[in-house]
Amino acid sequence: MIEFNIVKREADAIVADLGGELDTAAAQTFASYLEAFSDDDVKKQITINFERLEYISSAGMRILLVLAKRAGANGRKVNLSGMSEDVKQIFQLTGFDNMFAIQQ
């Protein structure tokens, strides 16, 4: 089960929390959450807190890639914070750490 909550939405920034397991079954739900981000939203600084994320599958990473491409088209990188070492290692092994600004 995936949990996604917008914590803060301001004129120039969006902060969201992601928790649970972002597996293949949850990927479509997560995609629908991110589809709610308008074109104006992806022009803002987007930060997603991974602190409560326990697992991410390739399907979940693919959904994040779509968000990164949308943001990148507007000259932005998506910030990911609070990653566990296991999730961070997955991002490093796949090269996804170059597509996102990863913060502790």
PDB file of N, CA and C in Angstrom:
ATOM      1  N   MET A   1       0.844  -1.180   0.000  1.00  0.00           N
ATOM      2  CA  MET A   1       0.000   0.000   0.000  1.00  0.00           C
ATOM      3  C   MET A   1       0.884   1.235   0.000  1.00  0.00           C
ATOM      4  N   ILE A   2       0.521   2.195  -0.815  1.00  0.00           N
ATOM      5  CA  ILE A   2       1.288   3.425  -0.939  1.00  0.00           C
ATOM      6  C   ILE A   2       0.522   4.584  -0.295  1.00  0.00           C
ATOM      7  N   GLU A   3       1.263   5.469   0.317  1.00  0.00           N
ATOM      8  CA  GLU A   3       0.684   6.679   0.897  1.00  0.00           C
ATOM      9  C   GLU A   3       1.398   7.858   0.269  1.00  0.00           C
ATOM     10  N   PHE A   4       0.628   8.831  -0.212  1.00  0.00           N
ATOM     11  CA  PHE A   4       1.198  10.023  -0.816  1.00  0.00           C
ATOM     12  C   PHE A   4       0.382  11.214  -0.348  1.00  0.00           C
ATOM     13  N   ASN A   5       1.037  12.160   0.304  1.00  0.00           N
ATOM     14  CA  ASN A   5       0.348  13.329   0.830  1.00  0.00           C
ATOM     15  C   ASN A   5       1.110  14.594   0.472  1.00  0.00           C
ATOM     16  N   ILE A   6       0.384  15.580  -0.048  1.00  0.00           N
ATOM     17  CA  ILE A   6       0.978  16.895  -0.267  1.00  0.00           C
ATOM     18  C   ILE A   6       1.015  17.580   1.095  1.00  0.00           C
ATOM     19  N   VAL A   7       2.219  17.910   1.549  1.00  0.00           N
ATOM     20  CA  VAL A   7       2.397  18.532   2.854  1.00  0.00           C
ATOM     21  C   VAL A   7       2.315  20.053   2.742  1.00  0.00           C
ATOM     22  N   LYS A   8       2.892  20.562   1.646  1.00  0.00           N
ATOM     23  CA  LYS A   8       2.913  22.010   1.462  1.00  0.00           C
ATOM     24  C   LYS A   8       2.829  22.313  -0.025  1.00  0.00           C
ATOM     25  N   ARG A   9       1.980  23.250  -0.389  1.00  0.00           N
ATOM     26  CA  ARG A   9       1.866  23.711  -1.772  1.00  0.00           C
ATOM     27  C   ARG A   9       1.885  25.228  -1.720  1.00  0.00           C
ATOM     28  N   GLU A  10       2.971  25.799  -2.240  1.00  0.00           N
ATOM     29  CA  GLU A  10       3.136  27.243  -2.246  1.00  0.00           C
ATOM     30  C   GLU A  10       3.314  27.717  -3.677  1.00  0.00           C
ATOM     31  N   ALA A  11       3.484  29.004  -3.844  1.00  0.00           N
ATOM     32  CA  ALA A  11       3.626  29.574  -5.183  1.00  0.00           C
ATOM     33  C   ALA A  11       4.827  29.021  -5.933  1.00  0.00           C
ATOM     34  N   ASP A  12       5.905  28.699  -5.204  1.00  0.00           N
ATOM     35  CA  ASP A  12       7.115  28.256  -5.884  1.00  0.00           C
ATOM     36  C   ASP A  12       7.603  26.864  -5.467  1.00  0.00           C
ATOM     37  N   ALA A  13       6.854  26.174  -4.606  1.00  0.00           N
ATOM     38  CA  ALA A  13       7.333  24.870  -4.122  1.00  0.00           C
ATOM     39  C   ALA A  13       6.183  23.946  -3.735  1.00  0.00           C
ATOM     40  N   ILE A  14       6.449  22.656  -3.910  1.00  0.00           N
ATOM     41  CA  ILE A  14       5.542  21.600  -3.452  1.00  0.00           C
ATOM     42  C   ILE A  14       6.378  20.617  -2.639  1.00  0.00           C
ATOM     43  N   VAL A  15       5.884  20.249  -1.461  1.00  0.00           N
ATOM     44  CA  VAL A  15       6.542  19.249  -0.632  1.00  0.00           C
ATOM     45  C   VAL A  15       5.530  18.133  -0.374  1.00  0.00           C
ATOM     46  N   ALA A  16       5.962  16.893  -0.606  1.00  0.00           N
ATOM     47  CA  ALA A  16       5.074  15.744  -0.431  1.00  0.00           C
ATOM     48  C   ALA A  16       5.784  14.647   0.353  1.00  0.00           C
ATOM     49  N   ASP A  17       5.008  13.840   1.051  1.00  0.00           N
ATOM     50  CA  ASP A  17       5.504  12.666   1.763  1.00  0.00           C
ATOM     51  C   ASP A  17       5.072  11.415   1.008  1.00  0.00           C
ATOM     52  N   LEU A  18       5.985  10.450   0.933  1.00  0.00           N
ATOM     53  CA  LEU A  18       5.710   9.177   0.284  1.00  0.00           C
ATOM     54  C   LEU A  18       6.017   8.083   1.292  1.00  0.00           C
ATOM     55  N   GLY A  19       5.072   7.185   1.502  1.00  0.00           N
ATOM     56  CA  GLY A  19       5.287   6.131   2.480  1.00  0.00           C
ATOM     57  C   GLY A  19       4.717   4.806   2.023  1.00  0.00           C
ATOM     58  N   GLY A  20       5.135   3.753   2.708  1.00  0.00           N
ATOM     59  CA  GLY A  20       4.642   2.413   2.400  1.00  0.00           C
ATOM     60  C   GLY A  20       5.524   1.724   1.388  1.00  0.00           C
ATOM     61  N   GLU A  21       4.906   0.941   0.516  1.00  0.00           N
ATOM     62  CA  GLU A  21       5.624   0.189  -0.497  1.00  0.00           C
ATOM     63  C   GLU A  21       5.165   0.621  -1.877  1.00  0.00           C
ATOM     64  N   LEU A  22       6.098   1.116  -2.653  1.00  0.00           N
ATOM     65  CA  LEU A  22       5.800   1.524  -4.026  1.00  0.00           C
ATOM     66  C   LEU A  22       6.180   0.363  -4.945  1.00  0.00           C
ATOM     67  N   ASP A  23       5.312  -0.649  -4.936  1.00  0.00           N
ATOM     68  CA  ASP A  23       5.539  -1.838  -5.744  1.00  0.00           C
ATOM     69  C   ASP A  23       4.711  -1.749  -7.026  1.00  0.00           C
ATOM     70  N   THR A  24       4.737  -2.801  -7.808  1.00  0.00           N
ATOM     71  CA  THR A  24       4.031  -2.808  -9.087  1.00  0.00           C
ATOM     72  C   THR A  24       2.535  -2.556  -8.899  1.00  0.00           C
ATOM     73  N   ALA A  25       1.943  -3.142  -7.878  1.00  0.00           N
ATOM     74  CA  ALA A  25       0.508  -2.959  -7.629  1.00  0.00           C
ATOM     75  C   ALA A  25       0.171  -1.527  -7.260  1.00  0.00           C
ATOM     76  N   ALA A  26       1.064  -0.836  -6.569  1.00  0.00           N
ATOM     77  CA  ALA A  26       0.810   0.538  -6.111  1.00  0.00           C
ATOM     78  C   ALA A  26       1.225   1.583  -7.146  1.00  0.00           C
ATOM     79  N   ALA A  27       1.967   1.177  -8.161  1.00  0.00           N
ATOM     80  CA  ALA A  27       2.505   2.136  -9.126  1.00  0.00           C
ATOM     81  C   ALA A  27       1.418   2.917  -9.846  1.00  0.00           C
ATOM     82  N   GLN A  28       0.326   2.259 -10.230  1.00  0.00           N
ATOM     83  CA  GLN A  28      -0.741   2.973 -10.946  1.00  0.00           C
ATOM     84  C   GLN A  28      -1.410   4.004 -10.038  1.00  0.00           C
ATOM     85  N   THR A  29      -1.599   3.661  -8.778  1.00  0.00           N
ATOM     86  CA  THR A  29      -2.164   4.620  -7.824  1.00  0.00           C
ATOM     87  C   THR A  29      -1.241   5.820  -7.686  1.00  0.00           C
ATOM     88  N   PHE A  30       0.059   5.562  -7.546  1.00  0.00           N
ATOM     89  CA  PHE A  30       1.044   6.629  -7.434  1.00  0.00           C
ATOM     90  C   PHE A  30       1.052   7.489  -8.695  1.00  0.00           C
ATOM     91  N   ALA A  31       0.945   6.851  -9.861  1.00  0.00           N
ATOM     92  CA  ALA A  31       0.904   7.596 -11.124  1.00  0.00           C
ATOM     93  C   ALA A  31      -0.282   8.541 -11.151  1.00  0.00           C
ATOM     94  N   SER A  32      -1.421   8.087 -10.650  1.00  0.00           N
ATOM     95  CA  SER A  32      -2.604   8.962 -10.650  1.00  0.00           C
ATOM     96  C   SER A  32      -2.418  10.143  -9.702  1.00  0.00           C
ATOM     97  N   TYR A  33      -1.707   9.934  -8.586  1.00  0.00           N
ATOM     98  CA  TYR A  33      -1.393  11.061  -7.692  1.00  0.00           C
ATOM     99  C   TYR A  33      -0.537  12.091  -8.424  1.00  0.00           C
ATOM    100  N   LEU A  34       0.477  11.614  -9.131  1.00  0.00           N
ATOM    101  CA  LEU A  34       1.389  12.537  -9.803  1.00  0.00           C
ATOM    102  C   LEU A  34       0.769  13.174 -11.033  1.00  0.00           C
ATOM    103  N   GLU A  35      -0.177  12.493 -11.677  1.00  0.00           N
ATOM    104  CA  GLU A  35      -0.879  13.089 -12.808  1.00  0.00           C
ATOM    105  C   GLU A  35      -1.673  14.307 -12.378  1.00  0.00           C
ATOM    106  N   ALA A  36      -2.008  14.380 -11.090  1.00  0.00           N
ATOM    107  CA  ALA A  36      -2.734  15.528 -10.569  1.00  0.00           C
ATOM    108  C   ALA A  36      -1.855  16.775 -10.527  1.00  0.00           C
ATOM    109  N   PHE A  37      -0.529  16.595 -10.649  1.00  0.00           N
ATOM    110  CA  PHE A  37       0.360  17.751 -10.724  1.00  0.00           C
ATOM    111  C   PHE A  37       0.139  18.413 -12.080  1.00  0.00           C
ATOM    112  N   SER A  38      -0.263  19.651 -12.052  1.00  0.00           N
ATOM    113  CA  SER A  38      -0.504  20.389 -13.289  1.00  0.00           C
ATOM    114  C   SER A  38       0.820  20.808 -13.921  1.00  0.00           C
ATOM    115  N   ASP A  39       0.751  21.353 -15.131  1.00  0.00           N
ATOM    116  CA  ASP A  39       1.957  21.868 -15.775  1.00  0.00           C
ATOM    117  C   ASP A  39       2.568  22.996 -14.946  1.00  0.00           C
ATOM    118  N   ASP A  40       1.733  23.786 -14.283  1.00  0.00           N
ATOM    119  CA  ASP A  40       2.251  24.844 -13.405  1.00  0.00           C
ATOM    120  C   ASP A  40       2.954  24.239 -12.194  1.00  0.00           C
ATOM    121  N   ASP A  41       2.448  23.129 -11.676  1.00  0.00           N
ATOM    122  CA  ASP A  41       3.074  22.479 -10.516  1.00  0.00           C
ATOM    123  C   ASP A  41       4.493  22.013 -10.832  1.00  0.00           C
ATOM    124  N   VAL A  42       4.706  21.448 -12.022  1.00  0.00           N
ATOM    125  CA  VAL A  42       6.033  20.923 -12.346  1.00  0.00           C
ATOM    126  C   VAL A  42       7.028  22.029 -12.688  1.00  0.00           C
ATOM    127  N   LYS A  43       6.560  23.256 -12.743  1.00  0.00           N
ATOM    128  CA  LYS A  43       7.468  24.395 -12.881  1.00  0.00           C
ATOM    129  C   LYS A  43       8.001  24.823 -11.519  1.00  0.00           C
ATOM    130  N   LYS A  44       7.392  24.323 -10.457  1.00  0.00           N
ATOM    131  CA  LYS A  44       7.799  24.651  -9.095  1.00  0.00           C
ATOM    132  C   LYS A  44       8.892  23.686  -8.634  1.00  0.00           C
ATOM    133  N   GLN A  45       9.486  23.999  -7.502  1.00  0.00           N
ATOM    134  CA  GLN A  45      10.454  23.084  -6.892  1.00  0.00           C
ATOM    135  C   GLN A  45       9.672  21.972  -6.190  1.00  0.00           C
ATOM    136  N   ILE A  46       9.859  20.740  -6.606  1.00  0.00           N
ATOM    137  CA  ILE A  46       9.141  19.600  -6.031  1.00  0.00           C
ATOM    138  C   ILE A  46      10.099  18.814  -5.139  1.00  0.00           C
ATOM    139  N   THR A  47       9.690  18.597  -3.908  1.00  0.00           N
ATOM    140  CA  THR A  47      10.459  17.782  -2.967  1.00  0.00           C
ATOM    141  C   THR A  47       9.563  16.658  -2.473  1.00  0.00           C
ATOM    142  N   ILE A  48      10.061  15.435  -2.579  1.00  0.00           N
ATOM    143  CA  ILE A  48       9.320  14.281  -2.078  1.00  0.00           C
ATOM    144  C   ILE A  48      10.148  13.635  -0.974  1.00  0.00           C
ATOM    145  N   ASN A  49       9.548  13.533   0.197  1.00  0.00           N
ATOM    146  CA  ASN A  49      10.206  12.934   1.354  1.00  0.00           C
ATOM    147  C   ASN A  49       9.977  11.425   1.322  1.00  0.00           C
ATOM    148  N   PHE A  50      11.073  10.667   1.255  1.00  0.00           N
ATOM    149  CA  PHE A  50      11.029   9.212   1.188  1.00  0.00           C
ATOM    150  C   PHE A  50      11.176   8.559   2.558  1.00  0.00           C
ATOM    151  N   GLU A  51      11.192   9.334   3.611  1.00  0.00           N
ATOM    152  CA  GLU A  51      11.507   8.819   4.948  1.00  0.00           C
ATOM    153  C   GLU A  51      10.674   7.596   5.334  1.00  0.00           C
ATOM    154  N   ARG A  52       9.409   7.558   4.935  1.00  0.00           N
ATOM    155  CA  ARG A  52       8.528   6.450   5.321  1.00  0.00           C
ATOM    156  C   ARG A  52       8.388   5.398   4.210  1.00  0.00           C
ATOM    157  N   LEU A  53       9.136   5.586   3.096  1.00  0.00           N
ATOM    158  CA  LEU A  53       9.076   4.620   1.999  1.00  0.00           C
ATOM    159  C   LEU A  53       9.917   3.394   2.352  1.00  0.00           C
ATOM    160  N   GLU A  54       9.289   2.234   2.339  1.00  0.00           N
ATOM    161  CA  GLU A  54       9.963   0.993   2.715  1.00  0.00           C
ATOM    162  C   GLU A  54      10.545   0.249   1.519  1.00  0.00           C
ATOM    163  N   TYR A  55       9.945   0.414   0.344  1.00  0.00           N
ATOM    164  CA  TYR A  55      10.342  -0.364  -0.826  1.00  0.00           C
ATOM    165  C   TYR A  55       9.922   0.380  -2.082  1.00  0.00           C
ATOM    166  N   ILE A  56      10.745   0.276  -3.131  1.00  0.00           N
ATOM    167  CA  ILE A  56      10.366   0.831  -4.430  1.00  0.00           C
ATOM    168  C   ILE A  56      10.740  -0.180  -5.511  1.00  0.00           C
ATOM    169  N   SER A  57       9.808  -0.450  -6.404  1.00  0.00           N
ATOM    170  CA  SER A  57      10.048  -1.385  -7.508  1.00  0.00           C
ATOM    171  C   SER A  57      10.426  -0.594  -8.754  1.00  0.00           C
ATOM    172  N   SER A  58      10.784  -1.313  -9.795  1.00  0.00           N
ATOM    173  CA  SER A  58      11.105  -0.654 -11.063  1.00  0.00           C
ATOM    174  C   SER A  58       9.887   0.090 -11.617  1.00  0.00           C
ATOM    175  N   ALA A  59       8.695  -0.424 -11.363  1.00  0.00           N
ATOM    176  CA  ALA A  59       7.478   0.258 -11.811  1.00  0.00           C
ATOM    177  C   ALA A  59       7.322   1.601 -11.104  1.00  0.00           C
ATOM    178  N   GLY A  60       7.634   1.641  -9.823  1.00  0.00           N
ATOM    179  CA  GLY A  60       7.585   2.896  -9.076  1.00  0.00           C
ATOM    180  C   GLY A  60       8.631   3.875  -9.547  1.00  0.00           C
ATOM    181  N   MET A  61       9.813   3.368  -9.847  1.00  0.00           N
ATOM    182  CA  MET A  61      10.879   4.236 -10.341  1.00  0.00           C
ATOM    183  C   MET A  61      10.534   4.805 -11.708  1.00  0.00           C
ATOM    184  N   ARG A  62       9.865   4.016 -12.522  1.00  0.00           N
ATOM    185  CA  ARG A  62       9.440   4.491 -13.843  1.00  0.00           C
ATOM    186  C   ARG A  62       8.476   5.669 -13.708  1.00  0.00           C
ATOM    187  N   ILE A  63       7.572   5.612 -12.733  1.00  0.00           N
ATOM    188  CA  ILE A  63       6.634   6.709 -12.507  1.00  0.00           C
ATOM    189  C   ILE A  63       7.399   7.968 -12.081  1.00  0.00           C
ATOM    190  N   LEU A  64       8.402   7.800 -11.217  1.00  0.00           N
ATOM    191  CA  LEU A  64       9.230   8.944 -10.810  1.00  0.00           C
ATOM    192  C   LEU A  64       9.992   9.521 -11.999  1.00  0.00           C
ATOM    193  N   LEU A  65      10.418   8.650 -12.909  1.00  0.00           N
ATOM    194  CA  LEU A  65      11.128   9.099 -14.098  1.00  0.00           C
ATOM    195  C   LEU A  65      10.249  10.015 -14.945  1.00  0.00           C
ATOM    196  N   VAL A  66       8.982   9.676 -15.075  1.00  0.00           N
ATOM    197  CA  VAL A  66       8.045  10.524 -15.823  1.00  0.00           C
ATOM    198  C   VAL A  66       7.953  11.902 -15.167  1.00  0.00           C
ATOM    199  N   LEU A  67       7.858  11.941 -13.834  1.00  0.00           N
ATOM    200  CA  LEU A  67       7.815  13.211 -13.124  1.00  0.00           C
ATOM    201  C   LEU A  67       9.110  13.992 -13.340  1.00  0.00           C
ATOM    202  N   ALA A  68      10.255  13.308 -13.274  1.00  0.00           N
ATOM    203  CA  ALA A  68      11.550  13.977 -13.473  1.00  0.00           C
ATOM    204  C   ALA A  68      11.635  14.580 -14.876  1.00  0.00           C
ATOM    205  N   LYS A  69      11.126  13.877 -15.875  1.00  0.00           N
ATOM    206  CA  LYS A  69      11.146  14.393 -17.246  1.00  0.00           C
ATOM    207  C   LYS A  69      10.242  15.608 -17.384  1.00  0.00           C
ATOM    208  N   ARG A  70       9.074  15.559 -16.773  1.00  0.00           N
ATOM    209  CA  ARG A  70       8.164  16.715 -16.813  1.00  0.00           C
ATOM    210  C   ARG A  70       8.806  17.921 -16.146  1.00  0.00           C
ATOM    211  N   ALA A  71       9.420  17.706 -14.996  1.00  0.00           N
ATOM    212  CA  ALA A  71      10.078  18.802 -14.275  1.00  0.00           C
ATOM    213  C   ALA A  71      11.297  19.286 -15.054  1.00  0.00           C
ATOM    214  N   GLY A  72      12.069  18.355 -15.616  1.00  0.00           N
ATOM    215  CA  GLY A  72      13.260  18.711 -16.379  1.00  0.00           C
ATOM    216  C   GLY A  72      12.949  19.565 -17.600  1.00  0.00           C
ATOM    217  N   ALA A  73      11.794  19.347 -18.201  1.00  0.00           N
ATOM    218  CA  ALA A  73      11.377  20.151 -19.343  1.00  0.00           C
ATOM    219  C   ALA A  73      11.186  21.615 -18.945  1.00  0.00           C
ATOM    220  N   ASN A  74      11.037  21.842 -17.642  1.00  0.00           N
ATOM    221  CA  ASN A  74      10.889  23.199 -17.109  1.00  0.00           C
ATOM    222  C   ASN A  74      12.141  23.654 -16.360  1.00  0.00           C
ATOM    223  N   GLY A  75      13.258  22.947 -16.592  1.00  0.00           N
ATOM    224  CA  GLY A  75      14.520  23.338 -15.980  1.00  0.00           C
ATOM    225  C   GLY A  75      14.633  23.007 -14.503  1.00  0.00           C
ATOM    226  N   ARG A  76      13.853  22.053 -14.030  1.00  0.00           N
ATOM    227  CA  ARG A  76      13.857  21.679 -12.609  1.00  0.00           C
ATOM    228  C   ARG A  76      14.312  20.242 -12.422  1.00  0.00           C
ATOM    229  N   LYS A  77      14.884  19.974 -11.252  1.00  0.00           N
ATOM    230  CA  LYS A  77      15.132  18.609 -10.806  1.00  0.00           C
ATOM    231  C   LYS A  77      14.213  18.362  -9.619  1.00  0.00           C
ATOM    232  N   VAL A  78      13.698  17.169  -9.519  1.00  0.00           N
ATOM    233  CA  VAL A  78      12.870  16.791  -8.379  1.00  0.00           C
ATOM    234  C   VAL A  78      13.809  16.433  -7.226  1.00  0.00           C
ATOM    235  N   ASN A  79      13.559  17.006  -6.060  1.00  0.00           N
ATOM    236  CA  ASN A  79      14.328  16.696  -4.855  1.00  0.00           C
ATOM    237  C   ASN A  79      13.729  15.490  -4.164  1.00  0.00           C
ATOM    238  N   LEU A  80      14.575  14.549  -3.777  1.00  0.00           N
ATOM    239  CA  LEU A  80      14.149  13.391  -2.998  1.00  0.00           C
ATOM    240  C   LEU A  80      14.930  13.434  -1.697  1.00  0.00           C
ATOM    241  N   SER A  81      14.224  13.360  -0.580  1.00  0.00           N
ATOM    242  CA  SER A  81      14.907  13.446   0.717  1.00  0.00           C
ATOM    243  C   SER A  81      14.512  12.279   1.608  1.00  0.00           C
ATOM    244  N   GLY A  82      15.344  12.028   2.627  1.00  0.00           N
ATOM    245  CA  GLY A  82      15.029  11.030   3.639  1.00  0.00           C
ATOM    246  C   GLY A  82      15.072   9.588   3.168  1.00  0.00           C
ATOM    247  N   MET A  83      15.840   9.296   2.134  1.00  0.00           N
ATOM    248  CA  MET A  83      15.912   7.930   1.597  1.00  0.00           C
ATOM    249  C   MET A  83      16.632   6.990   2.544  1.00  0.00           C
ATOM    250  N   SER A  84      16.111   5.783   2.683  1.00  0.00           N
ATOM    251  CA  SER A  84      16.837   4.743   3.416  1.00  0.00           C
ATOM    252  C   SER A  84      18.050   4.348   2.584  1.00  0.00           C
ATOM    253  N   GLU A  85      19.021   3.722   3.203  1.00  0.00           N
ATOM    254  CA  GLU A  85      20.225   3.288   2.487  1.00  0.00           C
ATOM    255  C   GLU A  85      19.888   2.280   1.392  1.00  0.00           C
ATOM    256  N   ASP A  86      18.925   1.386   1.652  1.00  0.00           N
ATOM    257  CA  ASP A  86      18.539   0.392   0.644  1.00  0.00           C
ATOM    258  C   ASP A  86      17.960   1.044  -0.606  1.00  0.00           C
ATOM    259  N   VAL A  87      17.056   1.999  -0.403  1.00  0.00           N
ATOM    260  CA  VAL A  87      16.444   2.687  -1.542  1.00  0.00           C
ATOM    261  C   VAL A  87      17.487   3.540  -2.249  1.00  0.00           C
ATOM    262  N   LYS A  88      18.328   4.211  -1.486  1.00  0.00           N
ATOM    263  CA  LYS A  88      19.375   5.040  -2.078  1.00  0.00           C
ATOM    264  C   LYS A  88      20.314   4.193  -2.948  1.00  0.00           C
ATOM    265  N   GLN A  89      20.623   3.001  -2.486  1.00  0.00           N
ATOM    266  CA  GLN A  89      21.504   2.122  -3.246  1.00  0.00           C
ATOM    267  C   GLN A  89      20.863   1.725  -4.578  1.00  0.00           C
ATOM    268  N   ILE A  90      19.574   1.500  -4.577  1.00  0.00           N
ATOM    269  CA  ILE A  90      18.857   1.180  -5.822  1.00  0.00           C
ATOM    270  C   ILE A  90      18.979   2.342  -6.799  1.00  0.00           C
ATOM    271  N   PHE A  91      18.806   3.561  -6.302  1.00  0.00           N
ATOM    272  CA  PHE A  91      18.926   4.743  -7.159  1.00  0.00           C
ATOM    273  C   PHE A  91      20.347   4.866  -7.717  1.00  0.00           C
ATOM    274  N   GLN A  92      21.339   4.571  -6.902  1.00  0.00           N
ATOM    275  CA  GLN A  92      22.720   4.654  -7.359  1.00  0.00           C
ATOM    276  C   GLN A  92      23.046   3.581  -8.387  1.00  0.00           C
ATOM    277  N   LEU A  93      22.594   2.364  -8.159  1.00  0.00           N
ATOM    278  CA  LEU A  93      22.877   1.261  -9.075  1.00  0.00           C
ATOM    279  C   LEU A  93      22.231   1.448 -10.444  1.00  0.00           C
ATOM    280  N   THR A  94      21.083   2.101 -10.467  1.00  0.00           N
ATOM    281  CA  THR A  94      20.353   2.297 -11.724  1.00  0.00           C
ATOM    282  C   THR A  94      20.694   3.608 -12.423  1.00  0.00           C
ATOM    283  N   GLY A  95      21.469   4.461 -11.755  1.00  0.00           N
ATOM    284  CA  GLY A  95      21.803   5.759 -12.330  1.00  0.00           C
ATOM    285  C   GLY A  95      20.733   6.813 -12.112  1.00  0.00           C
ATOM    286  N   PHE A  96      19.673   6.450 -11.410  1.00  0.00           N
ATOM    287  CA  PHE A  96      18.607   7.405 -11.141  1.00  0.00           C
ATOM    288  C   PHE A  96      19.074   8.525 -10.223  1.00  0.00           C
ATOM    289  N   ASP A  97      20.156   8.311  -9.488  1.00  0.00           N
ATOM    290  CA  ASP A  97      20.651   9.366  -8.601  1.00  0.00           C
ATOM    291  C   ASP A  97      21.127  10.578  -9.394  1.00  0.00           C
ATOM    292  N   ASN A  98      21.393  10.418 -10.692  1.00  0.00           N
ATOM    293  CA  ASN A  98      21.780  11.542 -11.539  1.00  0.00           C
ATOM    294  C   ASN A  98      20.592  12.340 -12.054  1.00  0.00           C
ATOM    295  N   MET A  99      19.409  11.773 -11.965  1.00  0.00           N
ATOM    296  CA  MET A  99      18.205  12.431 -12.481  1.00  0.00           C
ATOM    297  C   MET A  99      17.474  13.232 -11.417  1.00  0.00           C
ATOM    298  N   PHE A 100      17.827  12.998 -10.166  1.00  0.00           N
ATOM    299  CA  PHE A 100      17.158  13.645  -9.047  1.00  0.00           C
ATOM    300  C   PHE A 100      18.197  14.307  -8.153  1.00  0.00           C
ATOM    301  N   ALA A 101      17.768  15.306  -7.413  1.00  0.00           N
ATOM    302  CA  ALA A 101      18.610  15.901  -6.374  1.00  0.00           C
ATOM    303  C   ALA A 101      18.291  15.138  -5.090  1.00  0.00           C
ATOM    304  N   ILE A 102      19.209  14.284  -4.661  1.00  0.00           N
ATOM    305  CA  ILE A 102      18.971  13.451  -3.483  1.00  0.00           C
ATOM    306  C   ILE A 102      19.601  14.110  -2.270  1.00  0.00           C
ATOM    307  N   GLN A 103      18.754  14.350  -1.284  1.00  0.00           N
ATOM    308  CA  GLN A 103      19.177  15.007  -0.047  1.00  0.00           C
ATOM    309  C   GLN A 103      18.957  14.086   1.134  1.00  0.00           C
ATOM    310  N   GLN A 104      19.712  14.284   2.177  1.00  0.00           N
ATOM    311  CA  GLN A 104      19.506  13.500   3.398  1.00  0.00           C
ATOM    312  C   GLN A 104      18.432  14.137   4.169  1.00  0.00           C
TER     313      GLN A 104
END
